[in-house]
All heavy atoms as atom14 arrays in JSON, in Angstrom:
{
  "sequence": "DRAQTLLLDVECEFSDDYLIGHAKRVGLAGEQT",
  "atom14_mask": [
    [1, 1, 1, 1, 1, 1, 1, 1, 0, 0, 0, 0, 0, 0],
    [1, 1, 1, 1, 1, 1, 1, 1, 1, 1, 1, 0, 0, 0],
    [1, 1, 1, 1, 1, 0, 0, 0, 0, 0, 0, 0, 0, 0],
    [1, 1, 1, 1, 1, 1, 1, 1, 1, 0, 0, 0, 0, 0],
    [1, 1, 1, 1, 1, 1, 1, 0, 0, 0, 0, 0, 0, 0],
    [1, 1, 1, 1, 1, 1, 1, 1, 0, 0, 0, 0, 0, 0],
    [1, 1, 1, 1, 1, 1, 1, 1, 0, 0, 0, 0, 0, 0],
    [1, 1, 1, 1, 1, 1, 1, 1, 0, 0, 0, 0, 0, 0],
    [1, 1, 1, 1, 1, 1, 1, 1, 0, 0, 0, 0, 0, 0],
    [1, 1, 1, 1, 1, 1, 1, 0, 0, 0, 0, 0, 0, 0],
    [1, 1, 1, 1, 1, 1, 1, 1, 1, 0, 0, 0, 0, 0],
    [1, 1, 1, 1, 1, 1, 0, 0, 0, 0, 0, 0, 0, 0],
    [1, 1, 1, 1, 1, 1, 1, 1, 1, 0, 0, 0, 0, 0],
    [1, 1, 1, 1, 1, 1, 1, 1, 1, 1, 1, 0, 0, 0],
    [1, 1, 1, 1, 1, 1, 0, 0, 0, 0, 0, 0, 0, 0],
    [1, 1, 1, 1, 1, 1, 1, 1, 0, 0, 0, 0, 0, 0],
    [1, 1, 1, 1, 1, 1, 1, 1, 0, 0, 0, 0, 0, 0],
    [1, 1, 1, 1, 1, 1, 1, 1, 1, 1, 1, 1, 0, 0],
    [1, 1, 1, 1, 1, 1, 1, 1, 0, 0, 0, 0, 0, 0],
    [1, 1, 1, 1, 1, 1, 1, 1, 0, 0, 0, 0, 0, 0],
    [1, 1, 1, 1, 0, 0, 0, 0, 0, 0, 0, 0, 0, 0],
    [1, 1, 1, 1, 1, 1, 1, 1, 1, 1, 0, 0, 0, 0],
    [1, 1, 1, 1, 1, 0, 0, 0, 0, 0, 0, 0, 0, 0],
    [1, 1, 1, 1, 1, 1, 1, 1, 1, 0, 0, 0, 0, 0],
    [1, 1, 1, 1, 1, 1, 1, 1, 1, 1, 1, 0, 0, 0],
    [1, 1, 1, 1, 1, 1, 1, 0, 0, 0, 0, 0, 0, 0],
    [1, 1, 1, 1, 0, 0, 0, 0, 0, 0, 0, 0, 0, 0],
    [1, 1, 1, 1, 1, 1, 1, 1, 0, 0, 0, 0, 0, 0],
    [1, 1, 1, 1, 1, 0, 0, 0, 0, 0, 0, 0, 0, 0],
    [1, 1, 1, 1, 0, 0, 0, 0, 0, 0, 0, 0, 0, 0],
    [1, 1, 1, 1, 1, 1, 1, 1, 1, 0, 0, 0, 0, 0],
    [1, 1, 1, 1, 1, 1, 1, 1, 1, 0, 0, 0, 0, 0],
    [1, 1, 1, 1, 1, 1, 1, 0, 0, 0, 0, 0, 0, 0]
  ],
  "atom14_positions": [
    [[-63.97, -49.7, -15.62], [-64.19, -51.19, -16.1], [-65.28, -51.84, -15.21], [-65.59, -51.35, -14.15], [-62.88, -51.94, -15.95], [-62.91, -53.31, -16.55], [-62.63, -53.39, -17.85], [-63.24, -54.32, -15.84], [0.0, 0.0, 0.0], [0.0, 0.0, 0.0], [0.0, 0.0, 0.0], [0.0, 0.0, 0.0], [0.0, 0.0, 0.0], [0.0, 0.0, 0.0]],
    [[-65.81, -52.85, -15.76], [-66.88, -53.59, -14.96], [-66.25, -54.3, -13.76], [-66.97, -54.58, -12.81], [-67.53, -54.67, -15.87], [-68.28, -54.1, -17.1], [-69.08, -55.23, -17.78], [-69.72, -54.83, -19.07], [-69.14, -55.0, -20.18], [-67.96, -55.7, -20.32], [-69.69, -54.5, -21.31], [0.0, 0.0, 0.0], [0.0, 0.0, 0.0], [0.0, 0.0, 0.0]],
    [[-65.04, -54.61, -13.79], [-64.39, -55.2, -12.63], [-64.43, -54.22, -11.49], [-64.58, -53.01, -11.64], [-63.0, -55.6, -12.94], [0.0, 0.0, 0.0], [0.0, 0.0, 0.0], [0.0, 0.0, 0.0], [0.0, 0.0, 0.0], [0.0, 0.0, 0.0], [0.0, 0.0, 0.0], [0.0, 0.0, 0.0], [0.0, 0.0, 0.0], [0.0, 0.0, 0.0]],
    [[-64.18, -54.7, -10.25], [-64.13, -53.81, -9.09], [-62.65, -53.32, -9.04], [-61.65, -54.0, -8.79], [-64.38, -54.61, -7.76], [-64.28, -53.87, -6.53], [-65.56, -52.96, -6.25], [-66.28, -52.67, -7.16], [-65.84, -52.63, -5.03], [0.0, 0.0, 0.0], [0.0, 0.0, 0.0], [0.0, 0.0, 0.0], [0.0, 0.0, 0.0], [0.0, 0.0, 0.0]],
    [[-62.4, -52.05, -9.09], [-61.16, -51.41, -8.97], [-61.03, -50.59, -7.74], [-61.86, -49.71, -7.46], [-60.77, -50.53, -10.21], [-60.97, -51.33, -11.37], [-59.43, -49.93, -10.1], [0.0, 0.0, 0.0], [0.0, 0.0, 0.0], [0.0, 0.0, 0.0], [0.0, 0.0, 0.0], [0.0, 0.0, 0.0], [0.0, 0.0, 0.0], [0.0, 0.0, 0.0]],
    [[-60.01, -50.87, -6.88], [-59.72, -50.16, -5.67], [-58.45, -49.49, -5.75], [-57.42, -50.1, -6.25], [-59.87, -51.11, -4.49], [-61.17, -51.77, -4.21], [-61.23, -53.17, -4.95], [-61.38, -51.96, -2.68], [0.0, 0.0, 0.0], [0.0, 0.0, 0.0], [0.0, 0.0, 0.0], [0.0, 0.0, 0.0], [0.0, 0.0, 0.0], [0.0, 0.0, 0.0]],
    [[-58.35, -48.22, -5.24], [-57.12, -47.53, -5.25], [-56.58, -47.17, -3.88], [-57.38, -46.93, -3.03], [-57.29, -46.09, -5.97], [-58.02, -46.23, -7.3], [-58.16, -44.78, -7.79], [-57.28, -47.02, -8.3], [0.0, 0.0, 0.0], [0.0, 0.0, 0.0], [0.0, 0.0, 0.0], [0.0, 0.0, 0.0], [0.0, 0.0, 0.0], [0.0, 0.0, 0.0]],
    [[-55.19, -47.37, -3.66], [-54.56, -47.08, -2.45], [-53.56, -45.96, -2.79], [-52.5, -46.29, -3.34], [-53.9, -48.33, -1.76], [-53.19, -47.98, -0.6], [-54.21, -47.54, 0.66], [-52.31, -49.18, -0.08], [0.0, 0.0, 0.0], [0.0, 0.0, 0.0], [0.0, 0.0, 0.0], [0.0, 0.0, 0.0], [0.0, 0.0, 0.0], [0.0, 0.0, 0.0]],
    [[-53.88, -44.85, -2.44], [-52.93, -43.63, -2.59], [-51.98, -43.52, -1.48], [-52.36, -43.35, -0.29], [-53.73, -42.35, -2.75], [-53.14, -41.36, -3.62], [-51.89, -41.41, -3.76], [-53.77, -40.45, -4.09], [0.0, 0.0, 0.0], [0.0, 0.0, 0.0], [0.0, 0.0, 0.0], [0.0, 0.0, 0.0], [0.0, 0.0, 0.0], [0.0, 0.0, 0.0]],
    [[-50.62, -43.82, -1.74], [-49.72, -43.67, -0.68], [-48.99, -42.33, -0.76], [-48.2, -42.06, -1.68], [-48.62, -44.8, -0.97], [-47.63, -44.73, 0.16], [-49.23, -46.23, -0.99], [0.0, 0.0, 0.0], [0.0, 0.0, 0.0], [0.0, 0.0, 0.0], [0.0, 0.0, 0.0], [0.0, 0.0, 0.0], [0.0, 0.0, 0.0], [0.0, 0.0, 0.0]],
    [[-49.41, -41.5, 0.15], [-48.87, -40.03, 0.18], [-47.57, -40.0, 0.95], [-47.48, -40.29, 2.17], [-49.96, -39.19, 0.91], [-49.77, -37.78, 0.84], [-50.81, -36.99, 1.39], [-51.91, -36.88, 0.8], [-50.7, -36.44, 2.55], [0.0, 0.0, 0.0], [0.0, 0.0, 0.0], [0.0, 0.0, 0.0], [0.0, 0.0, 0.0], [0.0, 0.0, 0.0]],
    [[-46.51, -39.74, 0.12], [-45.18, -39.66, 0.73], [-44.72, -38.23, 0.99], [-45.24, -37.24, 0.33], [-44.18, -40.44, -0.12], [-44.47, -42.21, -0.24], [0.0, 0.0, 0.0], [0.0, 0.0, 0.0], [0.0, 0.0, 0.0], [0.0, 0.0, 0.0], [0.0, 0.0, 0.0], [0.0, 0.0, 0.0], [0.0, 0.0, 0.0], [0.0, 0.0, 0.0]],
    [[-43.63, -38.16, 1.76], [-43.05, -36.84, 1.89], [-41.76, -36.74, 1.04], [-41.11, -37.83, 0.96], [-42.69, -36.48, 3.37], [-43.95, -36.5, 4.35], [-43.58, -36.33, 5.73], [-42.32, -36.37, 6.11], [-44.49, -36.06, 6.57], [0.0, 0.0, 0.0], [0.0, 0.0, 0.0], [0.0, 0.0, 0.0], [0.0, 0.0, 0.0], [0.0, 0.0, 0.0]],
    [[-41.47, -35.62, 0.5], [-40.38, -35.55, -0.43], [-39.29, -34.47, 0.05], [-39.58, -33.23, -0.06], [-40.87, -35.19, -1.89], [-41.87, -36.14, -2.33], [-43.23, -35.93, -2.16], [-41.39, -37.3, -3.07], [-44.15, -36.89, -2.66], [-42.33, -38.17, -3.5], [-43.71, -37.96, -3.32], [0.0, 0.0, 0.0], [0.0, 0.0, 0.0], [0.0, 0.0, 0.0]],
    [[-38.27, -34.98, 0.32], [-37.1, -33.95, 0.79], [-36.51, -33.41, -0.43], [-36.55, -34.0, -1.58], [-36.02, -34.75, 1.69], [-35.45, -35.68, 0.89], [0.0, 0.0, 0.0], [0.0, 0.0, 0.0], [0.0, 0.0, 0.0], [0.0, 0.0, 0.0], [0.0, 0.0, 0.0], [0.0, 0.0, 0.0], [0.0, 0.0, 0.0], [0.0, 0.0, 0.0]],
    [[-35.69, -32.44, -0.31], [-34.9, -31.84, -1.52], [-33.97, -32.84, -2.0], [-33.77, -33.04, -3.2], [-34.21, -30.53, -1.09], [-35.12, -29.37, -1.02], [-36.36, -29.54, -1.35], [-34.7, -28.29, -0.52], [0.0, 0.0, 0.0], [0.0, 0.0, 0.0], [0.0, 0.0, 0.0], [0.0, 0.0, 0.0], [0.0, 0.0, 0.0], [0.0, 0.0, 0.0]],
    [[-33.31, -33.66, -1.11], [-32.41, -34.61, -1.55], [-32.93, -35.73, -2.38], [-32.5, -36.15, -3.38], [-31.69, -35.3, -0.43], [-30.69, -34.3, 0.38], [-30.28, -33.41, -0.31], [-30.34, -34.58, 1.52], [0.0, 0.0, 0.0], [0.0, 0.0, 0.0], [0.0, 0.0, 0.0], [0.0, 0.0, 0.0], [0.0, 0.0, 0.0], [0.0, 0.0, 0.0]],
    [[-34.32, -36.09, -1.93], [-34.91, -37.1, -2.68], [-35.34, -36.6, -4.06], [-35.19, -37.23, -5.14], [-36.35, -37.55, -2.04], [-37.05, -38.53, -2.83], [-36.75, -39.82, -2.91], [-38.05, -38.01, -3.77], [-37.42, -40.75, -3.84], [-38.68, -38.88, -4.57], [-38.42, -40.23, -4.59], [-39.2, -41.13, -5.41], [0.0, 0.0, 0.0], [0.0, 0.0, 0.0]],
    [[-35.76, -35.39, -4.21], [-36.12, -34.73, -5.41], [-34.98, -34.64, -6.43], [-35.09, -34.83, -7.66], [-36.87, -33.43, -5.29], [-38.25, -33.45, -4.55], [-38.73, -32.03, -4.35], [-39.22, -34.33, -5.2], [0.0, 0.0, 0.0], [0.0, 0.0, 0.0], [0.0, 0.0, 0.0], [0.0, 0.0, 0.0], [0.0, 0.0, 0.0], [0.0, 0.0, 0.0]],
    [[-33.85, -34.35, -5.8], [-32.59, -34.26, -6.65], [-32.23, -35.54, -7.25], [-31.92, -35.73, -8.31], [-31.47, -33.63, -5.9], [-31.65, -32.11, -5.51], [-30.05, -33.82, -6.63], [-30.74, -31.62, -4.52], [0.0, 0.0, 0.0], [0.0, 0.0, 0.0], [0.0, 0.0, 0.0], [0.0, 0.0, 0.0], [0.0, 0.0, 0.0], [0.0, 0.0, 0.0]],
    [[-32.38, -36.6, -6.4], [-32.07, -37.95, -6.84], [-33.1, -38.38, -7.91], [-32.79, -39.01, -8.88], [0.0, 0.0, 0.0], [0.0, 0.0, 0.0], [0.0, 0.0, 0.0], [0.0, 0.0, 0.0], [0.0, 0.0, 0.0], [0.0, 0.0, 0.0], [0.0, 0.0, 0.0], [0.0, 0.0, 0.0], [0.0, 0.0, 0.0], [0.0, 0.0, 0.0]],
    [[-34.29, -38.03, -7.74], [-35.37, -38.33, -8.67], [-35.09, -37.57, -10.06], [-35.18, -38.24, -11.14], [-36.73, -37.79, -8.22], [-37.81, -37.88, -9.2], [-38.47, -39.04, -9.6], [-38.52, -36.88, -9.9], [-39.43, -38.79, -10.51], [-39.47, -37.56, -10.63], [0.0, 0.0, 0.0], [0.0, 0.0, 0.0], [0.0, 0.0, 0.0], [0.0, 0.0, 0.0]],
    [[-34.68, -36.35, -10.01], [-34.35, -35.53, -11.26], [-33.23, -36.3, -11.92], [-33.13, -36.35, -13.15], [-33.95, -34.12, -10.81], [0.0, 0.0, 0.0], [0.0, 0.0, 0.0], [0.0, 0.0, 0.0], [0.0, 0.0, 0.0], [0.0, 0.0, 0.0], [0.0, 0.0, 0.0], [0.0, 0.0, 0.0], [0.0, 0.0, 0.0], [0.0, 0.0, 0.0]],
    [[-32.19, -36.76, -11.19], [-31.01, -37.42, -11.76], [-31.45, -38.85, -12.4], [-31.08, -39.22, -13.57], [-29.94, -37.7, -10.74], [-29.24, -36.39, -10.32], [-28.18, -36.64, -9.36], [-27.52, -35.27, -8.95], [-26.59, -35.51, -7.9], [0.0, 0.0, 0.0], [0.0, 0.0, 0.0], [0.0, 0.0, 0.0], [0.0, 0.0, 0.0], [0.0, 0.0, 0.0]],
    [[-32.47, -39.45, -11.73], [-32.87, -40.89, -12.3], [-33.66, -40.7, -13.56], [-33.51, -41.5, -14.43], [-33.71, -41.53, -11.25], [-32.97, -42.07, -9.97], [-33.87, -43.01, -9.17], [-34.86, -42.23, -8.4], [-34.75, -41.65, -7.38], [-33.46, -41.71, -6.64], [-35.65, -40.95, -6.68], [0.0, 0.0, 0.0], [0.0, 0.0, 0.0], [0.0, 0.0, 0.0]],
    [[-34.38, -39.68, -13.7], [-35.19, -39.46, -14.86], [-34.5, -38.59, -15.98], [-35.19, -38.33, -16.9], [-36.63, -38.91, -14.58], [-37.39, -39.87, -13.66], [-36.57, -37.54, -14.01], [0.0, 0.0, 0.0], [0.0, 0.0, 0.0], [0.0, 0.0, 0.0], [0.0, 0.0, 0.0], [0.0, 0.0, 0.0], [0.0, 0.0, 0.0], [0.0, 0.0, 0.0]],
    [[-33.35, -38.19, -15.73], [-32.51, -37.4, -16.67], [-32.78, -35.92, -16.74], [-32.36, -35.24, -17.7], [0.0, 0.0, 0.0], [0.0, 0.0, 0.0], [0.0, 0.0, 0.0], [0.0, 0.0, 0.0], [0.0, 0.0, 0.0], [0.0, 0.0, 0.0], [0.0, 0.0, 0.0], [0.0, 0.0, 0.0], [0.0, 0.0, 0.0], [0.0, 0.0, 0.0]],
    [[-33.43, -35.36, -15.69], [-33.62, -33.93, -15.68], [-32.38, -33.27, -15.11], [-32.28, -32.08, -15.27], [-34.77, -33.59, -14.72], [-36.18, -34.1, -15.2], [-37.26, -33.7, -14.28], [-36.51, -33.56, -16.61], [0.0, 0.0, 0.0], [0.0, 0.0, 0.0], [0.0, 0.0, 0.0], [0.0, 0.0, 0.0], [0.0, 0.0, 0.0], [0.0, 0.0, 0.0]],
    [[-31.55, -33.96, -14.49], [-30.26, -33.41, -13.95], [-29.24, -34.55, -14.03], [-29.5, -35.74, -14.16], [-30.48, -33.04, -12.5], [0.0, 0.0, 0.0], [0.0, 0.0, 0.0], [0.0, 0.0, 0.0], [0.0, 0.0, 0.0], [0.0, 0.0, 0.0], [0.0, 0.0, 0.0], [0.0, 0.0, 0.0], [0.0, 0.0, 0.0], [0.0, 0.0, 0.0]],
    [[-27.92, -34.06, -13.93], [-26.76, -34.97, -14.0], [-26.02, -34.82, -12.69], [-26.23, -33.96, -11.92], [0.0, 0.0, 0.0], [0.0, 0.0, 0.0], [0.0, 0.0, 0.0], [0.0, 0.0, 0.0], [0.0, 0.0, 0.0], [0.0, 0.0, 0.0], [0.0, 0.0, 0.0], [0.0, 0.0, 0.0], [0.0, 0.0, 0.0], [0.0, 0.0, 0.0]],
    [[-24.94, -35.72, -12.59], [-24.11, -35.58, -11.32], [-23.43, -34.18, -11.3], [-23.0, -33.73, -10.21], [-23.05, -36.63, -11.46], [-23.6, -38.05, -11.34], [-24.3, -38.27, -9.98], [-23.96, -37.64, -8.97], [-25.34, -39.01, -9.95], [0.0, 0.0, 0.0], [0.0, 0.0, 0.0], [0.0, 0.0, 0.0], [0.0, 0.0, 0.0], [0.0, 0.0, 0.0]],
    [[-23.19, -33.61, -12.52], [-22.55, -32.21, -12.48], [-23.4, -31.12, -12.63], [-22.88, -29.95, -12.77], [-21.52, -32.29, -13.67], [-20.57, -33.43, -13.66], [-19.64, -33.42, -12.47], [-19.32, -32.41, -11.87], [-19.27, -34.61, -12.03], [0.0, 0.0, 0.0], [0.0, 0.0, 0.0], [0.0, 0.0, 0.0], [0.0, 0.0, 0.0], [0.0, 0.0, 0.0]],
    [[-24.75, -31.21, -12.51], [-25.7, -30.16, -12.61], [-25.35, -29.21, -11.43], [-25.16, -29.59, -10.34], [-27.1, -30.62, -12.55], [-27.31, -31.56, -13.66], [-28.12, -29.47, -12.57], [0.0, 0.0, 0.0], [0.0, 0.0, 0.0], [0.0, 0.0, 0.0], [0.0, 0.0, 0.0], [0.0, 0.0, 0.0], [0.0, 0.0, 0.0], [0.0, 0.0, 0.0]]
  ]
}
């Protein structure tokens, strides 16, 4: 775009527990998986 666009990439670390929680939040896994 003609407007000025600036990006801030926030690079995070992902533990297995976080990824499991993410999978459950988006429906890739359930509580009983």
